Amino acid sequence: MNAKHNAAQISSWNLFVRGFRVATTRAAALLACAAAMVTEHNWPENGWVDTMMEICGFVLVLICTLGRIWCSLYIAGRKQKELVTEGPYSLTRNPLYFFSLIGAVGVACGTETITFPLLVALAFALYYPHVIRNEEDKMRALFGEQYTLYAARVPVFFPNFRAVLRLEEPDSYLVRPRLVRKELLRVGWFIAVFLIVHSFEWLHEIGVLPVMFHLR
């Protein structure tokens, strides 16, 4: 009875924390977009820096999209119910956050500046370690020694790329289509926001948006 009660408390707290995290992340994203709307890069238009930032942004957003879909195939409907240690979760304990960081930096590269990607990476480095620590405490409370052993062999955030050669994958896996579809809609926002941010440059050129700041 106590175990069920504790699990219910943890689930309720997780919902609250997740809602707060999502709200603050969206607020920060809106502020960043608002700043990008009135900011233009200092590089020569269609120069090599301008082009490379654009390409890097697109590639990072693509990696994020494919990575988060890969994660959803394993975690959708299973989080807090069982400890998932296969697929991307055999490379890092927090692959969703890892791919989200890649996607956020990719979106910031859509501004074709170096400043915005650095600020996004810094904000992530300051905020998400605390989020990850809290979630890991809850995972230990739920799965105990099983999670401790898992944490001892799999890194917390940055993937162990050497483990790709011995990637742990099952022969078959039960996929929940409805939950995967929801993740497809969520990752679609990375692509949509990248395109929106990238369009600010064109809107500056035709005079629809003012340019108040120039950044490298």
C-alpha atoms as a PDB file:
ATOM      1  CA  MET A   1       0.000   0.000   0.000  1.00  0.00           C
ATOM      2  CA  ASN A   2       2.822   2.387   0.906  1.00  0.00           C
ATOM      3  CA  ALA A   3       4.643   1.573  -2.327  1.00  0.00           C
ATOM      4  CA  LYS A   4       1.533   2.380  -4.372  1.00  0.00           C
ATOM      5  CA  HIS A   5       1.012   5.578  -2.395  1.00  0.00           C
ATOM      6  CA  ASN A   6       4.633   6.645  -2.940  1.00  0.00           C
ATOM      7  CA  ALA A   7       4.381   5.850  -6.647  1.00  0.00           C
ATOM      8  CA  ALA A   8       1.204   7.967  -6.892  1.00  0.00           C
ATOM      9  CA  GLN A   9       2.911  10.855  -5.087  1.00  0.00           C
ATOM     10  CA  ILE A  10       5.927  10.627  -7.372  1.00  0.00           C
ATOM     11  CA  SER A  11       3.665  10.549 -10.437  1.00  0.00           C
ATOM     12  CA  SER A  12       1.748  13.648  -9.293  1.00  0.00           C
ATOM     13  CA  TRP A  13       4.956  15.500  -8.526  1.00  0.00           C
ATOM     14  CA  ASN A  14       6.411  14.508 -11.908  1.00  0.00           C
ATOM     15  CA  LEU A  15       3.363  15.936 -13.670  1.00  0.00           C
ATOM     16  CA  PHE A  16       3.774  19.224 -11.812  1.00  0.00           C
ATOM     17  CA  VAL A  17       7.535  19.413 -12.468  1.00  0.00           C
ATOM     18  CA  ARG A  18       7.065  18.507 -16.127  1.00  0.00           C
ATOM     19  CA  GLY A  19       4.366  21.165 -16.522  1.00  0.00           C
ATOM     20  CA  PHE A  20       6.579  23.792 -14.894  1.00  0.00           C
ATOM     21  CA  ARG A  21       9.570  22.791 -17.025  1.00  0.00           C
ATOM     22  CA  VAL A  22       7.537  22.902 -20.230  1.00  0.00           C
ATOM     23  CA  ALA A  23       6.063  26.309 -19.304  1.00  0.00           C
ATOM     24  CA  THR A  24       9.441  27.861 -18.468  1.00  0.00           C
ATOM     25  CA  THR A  25      11.048  26.368 -21.565  1.00  0.00           C
ATOM     26  CA  ARG A  26       8.301  27.764 -23.789  1.00  0.00           C
ATOM     27  CA  ALA A  27       8.557  31.171 -22.126  1.00  0.00           C
ATOM     28  CA  ALA A  28      12.322  31.213 -22.685  1.00  0.00           C
ATOM     29  CA  ALA A  29      11.838  30.125 -26.303  1.00  0.00           C
ATOM     30  CA  LEU A  30       9.325  32.928 -26.903  1.00  0.00           C
ATOM     31  CA  LEU A  31      11.716  35.501 -25.414  1.00  0.00           C
ATOM     32  CA  ALA A  32      14.541  34.191 -27.587  1.00  0.00           C
ATOM     33  CA  CYS A  33      12.335  34.356 -30.696  1.00  0.00           C
ATOM     34  CA  ALA A  34      11.280  37.905 -29.816  1.00  0.00           C
ATOM     35  CA  ALA A  35      14.951  38.901 -29.529  1.00  0.00           C
ATOM     36  CA  ALA A  36      15.772  37.159 -32.813  1.00  0.00           C
ATOM     37  CA  MET A  37      12.981  39.083 -34.553  1.00  0.00           C
ATOM     38  CA  VAL A  38      14.841  42.365 -34.098  1.00  0.00           C
ATOM     39  CA  THR A  39      18.382  41.026 -34.456  1.00  0.00           C
ATOM     40  CA  GLU A  40      20.486  40.535 -37.555  1.00  0.00           C
ATOM     41  CA  HIS A  41      23.900  38.950 -38.045  1.00  0.00           C
ATOM     42  CA  ASN A  42      27.007  40.932 -39.022  1.00  0.00           C
ATOM     43  CA  TRP A  43      28.305  38.452 -41.565  1.00  0.00           C
ATOM     44  CA  PRO A  44      28.306  39.208 -45.304  1.00  0.00           C
ATOM     45  CA  GLU A  45      25.042  37.981 -46.787  1.00  0.00           C
ATOM     46  CA  ASN A  46      25.456  34.585 -48.512  1.00  0.00           C
ATOM     47  CA  GLY A  47      29.058  34.421 -47.281  1.00  0.00           C
ATOM     48  CA  TRP A  48      30.635  31.223 -46.008  1.00  0.00           C
ATOM     49  CA  VAL A  49      29.853  31.890 -42.324  1.00  0.00           C
ATOM     50  CA  ASP A  50      26.242  32.749 -43.124  1.00  0.00           C
ATOM     51  CA  THR A  51      25.872  29.593 -45.233  1.00  0.00           C
ATOM     52  CA  MET A  52      27.612  27.287 -42.747  1.00  0.00           C
ATOM     53  CA  MET A  53      25.419  28.462 -39.849  1.00  0.00           C
ATOM     54  CA  GLU A  54      22.336  27.787 -41.954  1.00  0.00           C
ATOM     55  CA  ILE A  55      23.506  24.292 -42.918  1.00  0.00           C
ATOM     56  CA  CYS A  56      24.580  23.451 -39.346  1.00  0.00           C
ATOM     57  CA  GLY A  57      21.225  24.573 -38.016  1.00  0.00           C
ATOM     58  CA  PHE A  58      19.306  22.408 -40.458  1.00  0.00           C
ATOM     59  CA  VAL A  59      21.493  19.344 -39.775  1.00  0.00           C
ATOM     60  CA  LEU A  60      21.184  19.745 -35.985  1.00  0.00           C
ATOM     61  CA  VAL A  61      17.391  20.097 -36.161  1.00  0.00           C
ATOM     62  CA  LEU A  62      17.237  16.990 -38.377  1.00  0.00           C
ATOM     63  CA  ILE A  63      19.373  15.008 -35.886  1.00  0.00           C
ATOM     64  CA  CYS A  64      17.118  16.198 -33.049  1.00  0.00           C
ATOM     65  CA  THR A  65      13.978  15.166 -34.911  1.00  0.00           C
ATOM     66  CA  LEU A  66      15.211  11.673 -35.773  1.00  0.00           C
ATOM     67  CA  GLY A  67      16.749  11.223 -32.325  1.00  0.00           C
ATOM     68  CA  ARG A  68      13.623  12.139 -30.393  1.00  0.00           C
ATOM     69  CA  ILE A  69      11.492   9.876 -32.607  1.00  0.00           C
ATOM     70  CA  TRP A  70      13.973   7.045 -31.927  1.00  0.00           C
ATOM     71  CA  CYS A  71      13.650   7.690 -28.178  1.00  0.00           C
ATOM     72  CA  SER A  72       9.849   7.766 -28.335  1.00  0.00           C
ATOM     73  CA  LEU A  73       9.776   4.277 -29.868  1.00  0.00           C
ATOM     74  CA  TYR A  74      11.321   2.991 -26.630  1.00  0.00           C
ATOM     75  CA  ILE A  75       9.995   5.290 -23.915  1.00  0.00           C
ATOM     76  CA  ALA A  76       6.449   6.173 -25.052  1.00  0.00           C
ATOM     77  CA  GLY A  77       4.028   4.913 -22.423  1.00  0.00           C
ATOM     78  CA  ARG A  78       6.765   3.237 -20.361  1.00  0.00           C
ATOM     79  CA  LYS A  79       8.300   6.116 -18.415  1.00  0.00           C
ATOM     80  CA  GLN A  80       7.802   5.708 -14.648  1.00  0.00           C
ATOM     81  CA  LYS A  81       6.392   2.205 -15.283  1.00  0.00           C
ATOM     82  CA  GLU A  82       9.529   0.304 -16.212  1.00  0.00           C
ATOM     83  CA  LEU A  83      13.216   1.093 -16.534  1.00  0.00           C
ATOM     84  CA  VAL A  84      14.083   1.432 -20.218  1.00  0.00           C
ATOM     85  CA  THR A  85      17.757   0.642 -20.841  1.00  0.00           C
ATOM     86  CA  GLU A  86      17.795  -0.294 -24.529  1.00  0.00           C
ATOM     87  CA  GLY A  87      18.218   1.618 -27.789  1.00  0.00           C
ATOM     88  CA  PRO A  88      19.191   5.259 -27.151  1.00  0.00           C
ATOM     89  CA  TYR A  89      18.889   4.606 -23.406  1.00  0.00           C
ATOM     90  CA  SER A  90      21.872   2.258 -23.618  1.00  0.00           C
ATOM     91  CA  LEU A  91      24.012   5.196 -24.797  1.00  0.00           C
ATOM     92  CA  THR A  92      22.859   7.872 -22.343  1.00  0.00           C
ATOM     93  CA  ARG A  93      20.387   7.981 -19.476  1.00  0.00           C
ATOM     94  CA  ASN A  94      18.810  11.169 -20.834  1.00  0.00           C
ATOM     95  CA  PRO A  95      18.722  10.902 -24.651  1.00  0.00           C
ATOM     96  CA  LEU A  96      15.575  13.048 -24.975  1.00  0.00           C
ATOM     97  CA  TYR A  97      17.297  15.975 -23.260  1.00  0.00           C
ATOM     98  CA  PHE A  98      20.459  15.382 -25.302  1.00  0.00           C
ATOM     99  CA  PHE A  99      18.583  15.516 -28.604  1.00  0.00           C
ATOM    100  CA  SER A 100      16.532  18.491 -27.388  1.00  0.00           C
ATOM    101  CA  LEU A 101      19.756  20.418 -26.717  1.00  0.00           C
ATOM    102  CA  ILE A 102      20.942  19.609 -30.226  1.00  0.00           C
ATOM    103  CA  GLY A 103      17.609  20.800 -31.639  1.00  0.00           C
ATOM    104  CA  ALA A 104      17.552  24.009 -29.588  1.00  0.00           C
ATOM    105  CA  VAL A 105      21.077  24.896 -30.705  1.00  0.00           C
ATOM    106  CA  GLY A 106      20.078  24.075 -34.274  1.00  0.00           C
ATOM    107  CA  VAL A 107      17.085  26.410 -34.090  1.00  0.00           C
ATOM    108  CA  ALA A 108      19.332  29.136 -32.676  1.00  0.00           C
ATOM    109  CA  CYS A 109      21.694  28.619 -35.619  1.00  0.00           C
ATOM    110  CA  GLY A 110      18.768  29.696 -37.795  1.00  0.00           C
ATOM    111  CA  THR A 111      19.596  33.264 -36.724  1.00  0.00           C
ATOM    112  CA  GLU A 112      22.942  32.715 -38.504  1.00  0.00           C
ATOM    113  CA  THR A 113      24.740  34.173 -35.499  1.00  0.00           C
ATOM    114  CA  ILE A 114      27.128  32.515 -33.059  1.00  0.00           C
ATOM    115  CA  THR A 115      25.725  34.471 -30.101  1.00  0.00           C
ATOM    116  CA  PHE A 116      22.274  32.855 -30.024  1.00  0.00           C
ATOM    117  CA  PRO A 117      23.500  29.220 -30.124  1.00  0.00           C
ATOM    118  CA  LEU A 118      25.998  29.977 -27.346  1.00  0.00           C
ATOM    119  CA  LEU A 119      23.285  31.587 -25.204  1.00  0.00           C
ATOM    120  CA  VAL A 120      20.965  28.621 -25.752  1.00  0.00           C
ATOM    121  CA  ALA A 121      23.707  26.155 -24.786  1.00  0.00           C
ATOM    122  CA  LEU A 122      24.548  28.237 -21.696  1.00  0.00           C
ATOM    123  CA  ALA A 123      20.901  28.428 -20.602  1.00  0.00           C
ATOM    124  CA  PHE A 124      20.576  24.658 -21.001  1.00  0.00           C
ATOM    125  CA  ALA A 125      23.787  24.066 -19.024  1.00  0.00           C
ATOM    126  CA  LEU A 126      22.516  26.237 -16.161  1.00  0.00           C
ATOM    127  CA  TYR A 127      18.937  24.950 -15.997  1.00  0.00           C
ATOM    128  CA  TYR A 128      18.752  21.309 -17.048  1.00  0.00           C
ATOM    129  CA  PRO A 129      21.373  19.688 -14.753  1.00  0.00           C
ATOM    130  CA  HIS A 130      19.045  20.478 -11.841  1.00  0.00           C
ATOM    131  CA  VAL A 131      16.075  19.020 -13.748  1.00  0.00           C
ATOM    132  CA  ILE A 132      18.047  15.871 -14.564  1.00  0.00           C
ATOM    133  CA  ARG A 133      19.198  15.418 -10.949  1.00  0.00           C
ATOM    134  CA  ASN A 134      15.610  15.657  -9.708  1.00  0.00           C
ATOM    135  CA  GLU A 135      14.381  13.134 -12.250  1.00  0.00           C
ATOM    136  CA  GLU A 136      17.192  10.733 -11.428  1.00  0.00           C
ATOM    137  CA  ASP A 137      16.335  10.924  -7.725  1.00  0.00           C
ATOM    138  CA  LYS A 138      12.794   9.885  -8.596  1.00  0.00           C
ATOM    139  CA  MET A 139      14.035   7.057 -10.828  1.00  0.00           C
ATOM    140  CA  ARG A 140      16.162   5.749  -7.971  1.00  0.00           C
ATOM    141  CA  ALA A 141      13.154   5.930  -5.683  1.00  0.00           C
ATOM    142  CA  LEU A 142      11.104   3.931  -8.182  1.00  0.00           C
ATOM    143  CA  PHE A 143      13.642   1.346  -9.347  1.00  0.00           C
ATOM    144  CA  GLY A 144      16.232   1.249  -6.555  1.00  0.00           C
ATOM    145  CA  GLU A 145      19.218  -1.027  -7.134  1.00  0.00           C
ATOM    146  CA  GLN A 146      18.188  -1.666 -10.739  1.00  0.00           C
ATOM    147  CA  TYR A 147      18.620   2.018 -11.555  1.00  0.00           C
ATOM    148  CA  THR A 148      21.862   2.270  -9.551  1.00  0.00           C
ATOM    149  CA  LEU A 149      23.406  -0.516 -11.632  1.00  0.00           C
ATOM    150  CA  TYR A 150      22.122   1.103 -14.834  1.00  0.00           C
ATOM    151  CA  ALA A 151      23.579   4.489 -13.826  1.00  0.00           C
ATOM    152  CA  ALA A 152      26.944   2.896 -13.104  1.00  0.00           C
ATOM    153  CA  ARG A 153      27.400   1.769 -16.712  1.00  0.00           C
ATOM    154  CA  VAL A 154      25.577   4.416 -18.789  1.00  0.00           C
ATOM    155  CA  PRO A 155      26.574   8.134 -18.781  1.00  0.00           C
ATOM    156  CA  VAL A 156      24.080  10.674 -17.489  1.00  0.00           C
ATOM    157  CA  PHE A 157      23.927  12.990 -20.521  1.00  0.00           C
ATOM    158  CA  PHE A 158      26.555  12.902 -23.263  1.00  0.00           C
ATOM    159  CA  PRO A 159      26.308   9.545 -25.068  1.00  0.00           C
ATOM    160  CA  ASN A 160      28.975   6.902 -24.906  1.00  0.00           C
ATOM    161  CA  PHE A 161      29.570   6.728 -28.655  1.00  0.00           C
ATOM    162  CA  ARG A 162      31.850   3.706 -28.270  1.00  0.00           C
ATOM    163  CA  ALA A 163      28.776   1.812 -27.074  1.00  0.00           C
ATOM    164  CA  VAL A 164      27.175   2.311 -30.517  1.00  0.00           C
ATOM    165  CA  LEU A 165      29.201  -0.691 -31.715  1.00  0.00           C
ATOM    166  CA  ARG A 166      27.474  -2.837 -29.092  1.00  0.00           C
ATOM    167  CA  LEU A 167      24.126  -1.059 -29.090  1.00  0.00           C
ATOM    168  CA  GLU A 168      21.585  -2.855 -26.937  1.00  0.00           C
ATOM    169  CA  GLU A 169      18.470  -3.451 -29.026  1.00  0.00           C
ATOM    170  CA  PRO A 170      15.733  -6.064 -28.718  1.00  0.00           C
ATOM    171  CA  ASP A 171      14.716  -8.301 -31.613  1.00  0.00           C
ATOM    172  CA  SER A 172      11.179  -6.923 -31.308  1.00  0.00           C
ATOM    173  CA  TYR A 173       9.494  -4.183 -29.329  1.00  0.00           C
ATOM    174  CA  LEU A 174       5.912  -3.151 -28.580  1.00  0.00           C
ATOM    175  CA  VAL A 175       5.316   0.344 -29.976  1.00  0.00           C
ATOM    176  CA  ARG A 176       2.400   2.553 -28.943  1.00  0.00           C
ATOM    177  CA  PRO A 177       1.417   4.386 -32.158  1.00  0.00           C
ATOM    178  CA  ARG A 178      -0.743   7.042 -30.482  1.00  0.00           C
ATOM    179  CA  LEU A 179       2.088   8.140 -28.188  1.00  0.00           C
ATOM    180  CA  VAL A 180       4.646   8.049 -31.002  1.00  0.00           C
ATOM    181  CA  ARG A 181       2.306  10.210 -33.094  1.00  0.00           C
ATOM    182  CA  LYS A 182       2.212  12.763 -30.272  1.00  0.00           C
ATOM    183  CA  GLU A 183       6.006  12.826 -30.243  1.00  0.00           C
ATOM    184  CA  LEU A 184       6.027  13.372 -34.007  1.00  0.00           C
ATOM    185  CA  LEU A 185       3.875  16.460 -33.487  1.00  0.00           C
ATOM    186  CA  ARG A 186       6.168  17.691 -30.702  1.00  0.00           C
ATOM    187  CA  VAL A 187       9.371  17.332 -32.704  1.00  0.00           C
ATOM    188  CA  GLY A 188       7.671  19.044 -35.621  1.00  0.00           C
ATOM    189  CA  TRP A 189       7.910  22.241 -33.600  1.00  0.00           C
ATOM    190  CA  PHE A 190      11.712  22.194 -33.863  1.00  0.00           C
ATOM    191  CA  ILE A 191      11.455  22.252 -37.648  1.00  0.00           C
ATOM    192  CA  ALA A 192       8.673  24.863 -37.633  1.00  0.00           C
ATOM    193  CA  VAL A 193      10.512  27.224 -35.267  1.00  0.00           C
ATOM    194  CA  PHE A 194      13.752  26.815 -37.236  1.00  0.00           C
ATOM    195  CA  LEU A 195      11.950  27.870 -40.418  1.00  0.00           C
ATOM    196  CA  ILE A 196      10.271  30.788 -38.621  1.00  0.00           C
ATOM    197  CA  VAL A 197      13.533  32.026 -37.122  1.00  0.00           C
ATOM    198  CA  HIS A 198      15.293  31.645 -40.448  1.00  0.00           C
ATOM    199  CA  SER A 199      12.544  33.681 -42.142  1.00  0.00           C
ATOM    200  CA  PHE A 200      13.317  36.706 -39.934  1.00  0.00           C
ATOM    201  CA  GLU A 201      16.268  37.519 -42.177  1.00  0.00           C
ATOM    202  CA  TRP A 202      13.994  37.806 -45.221  1.00  0.00           C
ATOM    203  CA  LEU A 203      11.495  39.900 -43.237  1.00  0.00           C
ATOM    204  CA  HIS A 204      14.333  42.241 -42.275  1.00  0.00           C
ATOM    205  CA  GLU A 205      15.352  42.573 -45.906  1.00  0.00           C
ATOM    206  CA  ILE A 206      11.874  43.600 -47.076  1.00  0.00           C
ATOM    207  CA  GLY A 207      11.418  45.962 -44.138  1.00  0.00           C
ATOM    208  CA  VAL A 208       8.599  44.133 -42.335  1.00  0.00           C
ATOM    209  CA  LEU A 209      10.675  43.656 -39.180  1.00  0.00           C
ATOM    210  CA  PRO A 210      12.989  46.337 -37.767  1.00  0.00           C
ATOM    211  CA  VAL A 211      16.647  45.594 -37.006  1.00  0.00           C
ATOM    212  CA  MET A 212      17.594  46.875 -33.561  1.00  0.00           C
ATOM    213  CA  PHE A 213      20.705  44.805 -32.895  1.00  0.00           C
ATOM    214  CA  HIS A 214      23.586  43.378 -34.909  1.00  0.00           C
ATOM    215  CA  LEU A 215      25.387  40.321 -33.524  1.00  0.00           C
ATOM    216  CA  ARG A 216      28.076  37.923 -34.600  1.00  0.00           C
END
